Amino acid sequence: APTRRSEMHRMIRHGVEQSSGGFWQSLITAYLSPMQYRGGFPRACRAVFIFGLGTTPMFFLLLIVRDLVGITDPVEQQKRFSTGSMAFFVASAVSAVAISQVAKNAERGSARSGENVQHVQEEQEQQQQQQQ
């Protein structure tokens, strides 16, 4: 059975099919061209990326608990990690609710400003009619 090392030597001797465009072309081909696929794949890629932005920092917490705080007992590490994770998710839920309230108030404010603009325009039209 071929080993990984012998397989690598074979690829080095005989070559493998590679793009001649260099590193950036390979990067674009590997990461951006799948976004052109039909169906839900591009949306799934974006969703995973956005999910990662929100959850990745939480996983650094375990490293912080172990390395910076100095907790070496695995059970105690899990307790601290769990508590921190729950705090992150509660904070996330609270911020989501707060953002929705801000957005709702902004919509009301823009609707009111739109009404005010319409009211001012009507007053201007009435003044013009009275002047004529």
N, C-alpha and C. Protein backbone atom coordinates (compact mmCIF):
# COMPACT_ATOMS: atom_id res chain seq x y z
N ALA A 1 0.85 -1.18 0.00
CA ALA A 1 0.00 0.00 0.00
C ALA A 1 0.89 1.24 0.00
N PRO A 2 0.56 2.21 -0.84
CA PRO A 2 1.39 3.42 -0.90
C PRO A 2 1.22 4.24 0.39
N THR A 3 2.34 4.75 0.84
CA THR A 3 2.30 5.60 2.02
C THR A 3 2.18 7.05 1.59
N ARG A 4 1.91 7.88 2.53
CA ARG A 4 1.79 9.31 2.23
C ARG A 4 3.09 9.86 1.66
N ARG A 5 4.21 9.43 2.24
CA ARG A 5 5.50 9.91 1.78
C ARG A 5 5.76 9.46 0.34
N SER A 6 5.49 8.18 0.03
CA SER A 6 5.74 7.70 -1.34
C SER A 6 4.80 8.40 -2.32
N GLU A 7 3.59 8.69 -1.89
CA GLU A 7 2.64 9.41 -2.76
C GLU A 7 3.13 10.83 -3.03
N MET A 8 3.69 11.47 -2.01
CA MET A 8 4.22 12.82 -2.19
C MET A 8 5.43 12.81 -3.12
N HIS A 9 6.30 11.81 -2.98
CA HIS A 9 7.46 11.71 -3.86
C HIS A 9 7.01 11.50 -5.31
N ARG A 10 5.99 10.69 -5.51
CA ARG A 10 5.47 10.45 -6.86
C ARG A 10 4.95 11.75 -7.46
N MET A 11 4.23 12.55 -6.66
CA MET A 11 3.70 13.81 -7.17
C MET A 11 4.83 14.78 -7.50
N ILE A 12 5.89 14.76 -6.69
CA ILE A 12 7.02 15.65 -6.95
C ILE A 12 7.73 15.24 -8.24
N ARG A 13 7.96 13.92 -8.42
CA ARG A 13 8.67 13.43 -9.62
C ARG A 13 7.85 13.66 -10.88
N HIS A 14 6.58 13.32 -10.84
CA HIS A 14 5.76 13.36 -12.05
C HIS A 14 4.96 14.65 -12.17
N GLY A 15 4.93 15.40 -11.13
CA GLY A 15 4.21 16.67 -11.16
C GLY A 15 2.72 16.46 -10.94
N VAL A 16 2.11 17.50 -10.53
CA VAL A 16 0.66 17.50 -10.38
C VAL A 16 0.12 18.67 -11.17
N GLU A 17 -1.12 18.59 -11.53
CA GLU A 17 -1.72 19.65 -12.32
C GLU A 17 -1.91 20.87 -11.43
N GLN A 18 -1.24 21.96 -11.81
CA GLN A 18 -1.34 23.18 -11.03
C GLN A 18 -1.61 24.35 -11.97
N SER A 19 -2.22 25.35 -11.39
CA SER A 19 -2.48 26.57 -12.14
C SER A 19 -1.18 27.36 -12.27
N SER A 20 -0.97 27.96 -13.42
CA SER A 20 0.24 28.76 -13.60
C SER A 20 0.03 30.20 -13.15
N GLY A 21 -1.15 30.50 -12.59
CA GLY A 21 -1.47 31.86 -12.20
C GLY A 21 -0.85 32.28 -10.88
N GLY A 22 -0.27 31.37 -10.15
CA GLY A 22 0.36 31.72 -8.90
C GLY A 22 -0.58 31.63 -7.72
N PHE A 23 -0.10 32.15 -6.61
CA PHE A 23 -0.80 32.04 -5.34
C PHE A 23 -2.17 32.70 -5.37
N TRP A 24 -2.24 33.95 -5.85
CA TRP A 24 -3.50 34.69 -5.80
C TRP A 24 -4.55 34.04 -6.70
N GLN A 25 -4.12 33.55 -7.85
CA GLN A 25 -5.06 32.87 -8.74
C GLN A 25 -5.59 31.60 -8.08
N SER A 26 -4.70 30.87 -7.42
CA SER A 26 -5.13 29.66 -6.72
C SER A 26 -6.10 29.99 -5.59
N LEU A 27 -5.84 31.09 -4.89
CA LEU A 27 -6.72 31.52 -3.81
C LEU A 27 -8.10 31.88 -4.34
N ILE A 28 -8.12 32.61 -5.43
CA ILE A 28 -9.40 32.98 -6.03
C ILE A 28 -10.15 31.75 -6.51
N THR A 29 -9.43 30.86 -7.16
CA THR A 29 -10.06 29.64 -7.66
C THR A 29 -10.63 28.80 -6.52
N ALA A 30 -9.90 28.71 -5.43
CA ALA A 30 -10.32 27.85 -4.32
C ALA A 30 -11.45 28.45 -3.51
N TYR A 31 -11.43 29.77 -3.31
CA TYR A 31 -12.38 30.36 -2.37
C TYR A 31 -13.47 31.20 -3.00
N LEU A 32 -13.23 31.79 -4.13
CA LEU A 32 -14.24 32.65 -4.72
C LEU A 32 -15.04 32.00 -5.83
N SER A 33 -14.43 31.11 -6.58
CA SER A 33 -15.19 30.49 -7.67
C SER A 33 -16.37 29.65 -7.18
N PRO A 34 -16.31 28.99 -6.00
CA PRO A 34 -17.51 28.28 -5.54
C PRO A 34 -18.70 29.20 -5.30
N MET A 35 -18.44 30.49 -5.12
CA MET A 35 -19.54 31.42 -4.92
C MET A 35 -20.36 31.61 -6.20
N GLN A 36 -19.85 31.12 -7.31
CA GLN A 36 -20.57 31.23 -8.58
C GLN A 36 -21.46 30.01 -8.85
N TYR A 37 -21.38 29.00 -7.99
CA TYR A 37 -22.20 27.81 -8.19
C TYR A 37 -23.67 28.16 -8.06
N ARG A 38 -24.49 27.42 -8.78
CA ARG A 38 -25.93 27.61 -8.70
C ARG A 38 -26.48 26.94 -7.46
N GLY A 39 -27.61 27.42 -7.02
CA GLY A 39 -28.27 26.81 -5.86
C GLY A 39 -27.95 27.57 -4.58
N GLY A 40 -28.07 26.87 -3.46
CA GLY A 40 -27.90 27.51 -2.17
C GLY A 40 -26.50 27.51 -1.62
N PHE A 41 -25.54 27.00 -2.39
CA PHE A 41 -24.17 26.90 -1.87
C PHE A 41 -23.57 28.26 -1.50
N PRO A 42 -23.68 29.28 -2.35
CA PRO A 42 -23.11 30.59 -1.97
C PRO A 42 -23.74 31.14 -0.70
N ARG A 43 -25.05 30.99 -0.56
CA ARG A 43 -25.73 31.48 0.64
C ARG A 43 -25.26 30.71 1.87
N ALA A 44 -25.08 29.41 1.72
CA ALA A 44 -24.58 28.60 2.84
C ALA A 44 -23.17 29.02 3.25
N CYS A 45 -22.33 29.33 2.26
CA CYS A 45 -20.97 29.80 2.56
C CYS A 45 -21.01 31.10 3.34
N ARG A 46 -21.84 32.03 2.91
CA ARG A 46 -21.96 33.30 3.63
C ARG A 46 -22.49 33.08 5.04
N ALA A 47 -23.46 32.20 5.19
CA ALA A 47 -24.04 31.94 6.51
C ALA A 47 -23.01 31.34 7.46
N VAL A 48 -22.22 30.42 6.98
CA VAL A 48 -21.18 29.82 7.82
C VAL A 48 -20.13 30.85 8.20
N PHE A 49 -19.77 31.72 7.25
CA PHE A 49 -18.79 32.77 7.53
C PHE A 49 -19.32 33.72 8.61
N ILE A 50 -20.55 34.17 8.47
CA ILE A 50 -21.13 35.09 9.45
C ILE A 50 -21.29 34.41 10.80
N PHE A 51 -21.71 33.15 10.80
CA PHE A 51 -21.82 32.40 12.05
C PHE A 51 -20.46 32.31 12.74
N GLY A 52 -19.42 32.08 11.94
CA GLY A 52 -18.07 32.00 12.49
C GLY A 52 -17.61 33.30 13.11
N LEU A 53 -18.03 34.44 12.52
CA LEU A 53 -17.67 35.73 13.10
C LEU A 53 -18.24 35.88 14.50
N GLY A 54 -19.42 35.32 14.72
CA GLY A 54 -20.06 35.46 16.02
C GLY A 54 -19.62 34.45 17.05
N THR A 55 -19.22 33.27 16.61
CA THR A 55 -18.93 32.20 17.58
C THR A 55 -17.46 31.93 17.81
N THR A 56 -16.62 32.29 16.87
CA THR A 56 -15.20 31.99 17.00
C THR A 56 -14.56 32.61 18.23
N PRO A 57 -14.84 33.88 18.56
CA PRO A 57 -14.20 34.44 19.75
C PRO A 57 -14.51 33.66 21.03
N MET A 58 -15.68 33.06 21.07
CA MET A 58 -16.05 32.29 22.26
C MET A 58 -15.10 31.11 22.47
N PHE A 59 -14.63 30.52 21.40
CA PHE A 59 -13.77 29.35 21.55
C PHE A 59 -12.35 29.72 22.01
N PHE A 60 -11.99 30.97 21.85
CA PHE A 60 -10.72 31.41 22.42
C PHE A 60 -10.80 31.48 23.93
N LEU A 61 -12.02 31.52 24.45
CA LEU A 61 -12.21 31.57 25.90
C LEU A 61 -11.58 30.36 26.58
N LEU A 62 -11.69 29.20 25.98
CA LEU A 62 -11.10 28.01 26.58
C LEU A 62 -9.58 28.15 26.68
N LEU A 63 -8.97 28.70 25.67
CA LEU A 63 -7.53 28.94 25.73
C LEU A 63 -7.18 29.97 26.79
N ILE A 64 -8.01 30.98 26.91
CA ILE A 64 -7.77 32.00 27.93
C ILE A 64 -7.87 31.40 29.32
N VAL A 65 -8.91 30.58 29.53
CA VAL A 65 -9.09 29.94 30.84
C VAL A 65 -7.89 29.07 31.17
N ARG A 66 -7.41 28.33 30.20
CA ARG A 66 -6.31 27.42 30.45
C ARG A 66 -4.97 28.15 30.56
N ASP A 67 -4.66 29.00 29.60
CA ASP A 67 -3.32 29.58 29.53
C ASP A 67 -3.15 30.85 30.37
N LEU A 68 -4.10 31.75 30.30
CA LEU A 68 -3.93 33.01 31.01
C LEU A 68 -4.37 32.95 32.46
N VAL A 69 -5.52 32.30 32.70
CA VAL A 69 -6.00 32.19 34.08
C VAL A 69 -5.24 31.11 34.83
N GLY A 70 -4.82 30.08 34.10
CA GLY A 70 -3.99 29.04 34.71
C GLY A 70 -4.77 27.89 35.32
N ILE A 71 -6.01 27.70 34.91
CA ILE A 71 -6.80 26.57 35.42
C ILE A 71 -6.39 25.33 34.63
N THR A 72 -5.90 24.32 35.32
CA THR A 72 -5.42 23.11 34.65
C THR A 72 -6.34 21.92 34.81
N ASP A 73 -7.22 21.96 35.79
CA ASP A 73 -8.16 20.85 36.01
C ASP A 73 -9.20 20.86 34.88
N PRO A 74 -9.35 19.76 34.12
CA PRO A 74 -10.28 19.74 32.99
C PRO A 74 -11.73 20.02 33.39
N VAL A 75 -12.14 19.53 34.53
CA VAL A 75 -13.53 19.74 34.97
C VAL A 75 -13.75 21.22 35.26
N GLU A 76 -12.81 21.83 35.97
CA GLU A 76 -12.91 23.26 36.28
C GLU A 76 -12.83 24.10 35.00
N GLN A 77 -12.00 23.69 34.05
CA GLN A 77 -11.92 24.39 32.77
C GLN A 77 -13.28 24.38 32.07
N GLN A 78 -13.92 23.22 32.05
CA GLN A 78 -15.22 23.11 31.40
C GLN A 78 -16.28 23.96 32.10
N LYS A 79 -16.23 24.00 33.43
CA LYS A 79 -17.19 24.84 34.17
C LYS A 79 -17.02 26.31 33.78
N ARG A 80 -15.78 26.78 33.80
CA ARG A 80 -15.51 28.19 33.47
C ARG A 80 -15.86 28.48 32.01
N PHE A 81 -15.51 27.55 31.13
CA PHE A 81 -15.81 27.72 29.72
C PHE A 81 -17.32 27.76 29.49
N SER A 82 -18.05 26.88 30.15
CA SER A 82 -19.51 26.83 30.01
C SER A 82 -20.14 28.13 30.50
N THR A 83 -19.68 28.59 31.65
CA THR A 83 -20.22 29.84 32.20
C THR A 83 -19.94 31.00 31.25
N GLY A 84 -18.72 31.08 30.75
CA GLY A 84 -18.38 32.14 29.81
C GLY A 84 -19.16 32.05 28.52
N SER A 85 -19.36 30.84 28.02
CA SER A 85 -20.13 30.64 26.79
C SER A 85 -21.57 31.09 26.96
N MET A 86 -22.16 30.74 28.09
CA MET A 86 -23.54 31.17 28.34
C MET A 86 -23.62 32.69 28.43
N ALA A 87 -22.63 33.30 29.05
CA ALA A 87 -22.62 34.77 29.14
C ALA A 87 -22.51 35.39 27.76
N PHE A 88 -21.68 34.81 26.89
CA PHE A 88 -21.58 35.32 25.51
C PHE A 88 -22.91 35.24 24.80
N PHE A 89 -23.59 34.09 24.90
CA PHE A 89 -24.85 33.92 24.20
C PHE A 89 -25.96 34.79 24.77
N VAL A 90 -25.98 34.99 26.09
CA VAL A 90 -26.97 35.89 26.68
C VAL A 90 -26.71 37.32 26.21
N ALA A 91 -25.45 37.73 26.20
CA ALA A 91 -25.11 39.07 25.71
C ALA A 91 -25.50 39.22 24.24
N SER A 92 -25.32 38.17 23.48
CA SER A 92 -25.70 38.20 22.07
C SER A 92 -27.21 38.37 21.92
N ALA A 93 -27.97 37.65 22.71
CA ALA A 93 -29.44 37.76 22.66
C ALA A 93 -29.89 39.16 23.07
N VAL A 94 -29.30 39.69 24.13
CA VAL A 94 -29.66 41.03 24.59
C VAL A 94 -29.33 42.07 23.52
N SER A 95 -28.17 41.94 22.89
CA SER A 95 -27.80 42.92 21.86
C SER A 95 -28.72 42.79 20.64
N ALA A 96 -29.14 41.57 20.30
CA ALA A 96 -30.06 41.40 19.17
C ALA A 96 -31.40 42.08 19.45
N VAL A 97 -31.90 41.93 20.67
CA VAL A 97 -33.16 42.59 21.04
C VAL A 97 -32.99 44.11 21.02
N ALA A 98 -31.86 44.58 21.56
CA ALA A 98 -31.62 46.03 21.58
C ALA A 98 -31.53 46.59 20.17
N ILE A 99 -30.84 45.88 19.29
CA ILE A 99 -30.72 46.35 17.91
C ILE A 99 -32.07 46.38 17.22
N SER A 100 -32.91 45.38 17.49
CA SER A 100 -34.23 45.37 16.86
C SER A 100 -35.07 46.55 17.34
N GLN A 101 -34.93 46.92 18.63
CA GLN A 101 -35.66 48.07 19.14
C GLN A 101 -35.16 49.37 18.52
N VAL A 102 -33.86 49.49 18.37
CA VAL A 102 -33.30 50.69 17.74
C VAL A 102 -33.78 50.79 16.30
N ALA A 103 -33.77 49.66 15.60
CA ALA A 103 -34.22 49.67 14.20
C ALA A 103 -35.70 50.03 14.11
N LYS A 104 -36.50 49.51 15.03
CA LYS A 104 -37.93 49.81 15.02
C LYS A 104 -38.15 51.30 15.27
N ASN A 105 -37.43 51.87 16.24
CA ASN A 105 -37.55 53.30 16.53
C ASN A 105 -37.07 54.15 15.36
N ALA A 106 -36.03 53.69 14.67
CA ALA A 106 -35.52 54.43 13.51
C ALA A 106 -36.56 54.43 12.39
N GLU A 107 -37.25 53.31 12.21
CA GLU A 107 -38.30 53.24 11.19
C GLU A 107 -39.43 54.20 11.52
N ARG A 108 -39.82 54.23 12.81
CA ARG A 108 -40.87 55.16 13.23
C ARG A 108 -40.44 56.59 13.00
N GLY A 109 -39.18 56.88 13.35
CA GLY A 109 -38.67 58.23 13.17
C GLY A 109 -38.63 58.64 11.71
N SER A 110 -38.23 57.73 10.83
CA SER A 110 -38.19 58.06 9.41
C SER A 110 -39.59 58.21 8.84
N ALA A 111 -40.53 57.42 9.37
CA ALA A 111 -41.92 57.57 8.92
C ALA A 111 -42.46 58.92 9.37
N ARG A 112 -42.14 59.33 10.60
CA ARG A 112 -42.59 60.63 11.09
C ARG A 112 -41.95 61.76 10.30
N SER A 113 -40.66 61.62 10.01
CA SER A 113 -40.01 62.68 9.24
C SER A 113 -40.61 62.75 7.84
N GLY A 114 -41.00 61.60 7.29
CA GLY A 114 -41.67 61.59 6.00
C GLY A 114 -43.01 62.28 6.06
N GLU A 115 -43.75 62.06 7.16
CA GLU A 115 -45.03 62.76 7.35
C GLU A 115 -44.80 64.25 7.49
N ASN A 116 -43.74 64.64 8.22
CA ASN A 116 -43.44 66.06 8.40
C ASN A 116 -43.09 66.71 7.07
N VAL A 117 -42.33 66.03 6.25
CA VAL A 117 -41.98 66.57 4.94
C VAL A 117 -43.23 66.76 4.10
N GLN A 118 -44.12 65.79 4.14
CA GLN A 118 -45.36 65.88 3.38
C GLN A 118 -46.21 67.04 3.91
N HIS A 119 -46.27 67.21 5.23
CA HIS A 119 -47.04 68.28 5.83
C HIS A 119 -46.47 69.64 5.42
N VAL A 120 -45.16 69.78 5.44
CA VAL A 120 -44.51 71.03 5.05
C VAL A 120 -44.78 71.32 3.58
N GLN A 121 -44.73 70.31 2.73
CA GLN A 121 -45.00 70.50 1.31
C GLN A 121 -46.44 70.97 1.09
N GLU A 122 -47.38 70.38 1.84
CA GLU A 122 -48.78 70.78 1.72
C GLU A 122 -48.97 72.23 2.15
N GLU A 123 -48.30 72.63 3.22
CA GLU A 123 -48.40 74.02 3.69
C GLU A 123 -47.84 74.98 2.65
N GLN A 124 -46.71 74.60 2.03
CA GLN A 124 -46.11 75.44 1.00
C GLN A 124 -47.05 75.59 -0.20
N GLU A 125 -47.71 74.49 -0.58
CA GLU A 125 -48.64 74.54 -1.69
C GLU A 125 -49.83 75.45 -1.35
N GLN A 126 -50.33 75.38 -0.12
CA GLN A 126 -51.44 76.22 0.29
C GLN A 126 -51.04 77.68 0.28
N GLN A 127 -49.82 77.99 0.73
CA GLN A 127 -49.35 79.36 0.73
C GLN A 127 -49.22 79.90 -0.69
N GLN A 128 -48.75 79.07 -1.61
CA GLN A 128 -48.63 79.48 -3.00
C GLN A 128 -50.00 79.76 -3.61
N GLN A 129 -50.96 78.93 -3.27
CA GLN A 129 -52.31 79.13 -3.80
C GLN A 129 -52.94 80.41 -3.25
N GLN A 130 -52.67 80.71 -1.98
CA GLN A 130 -53.21 81.92 -1.38
C GLN A 130 -52.57 83.16 -1.98
N GLN A 131 -51.31 83.08 -2.38
CA GLN A 131 -50.61 84.22 -2.95
C GLN A 131 -51.11 84.51 -4.35
N GLN A 132 -51.65 83.53 -5.03
CA GLN A 132 -52.10 83.73 -6.39
C GLN A 132 -53.46 84.28 -6.34
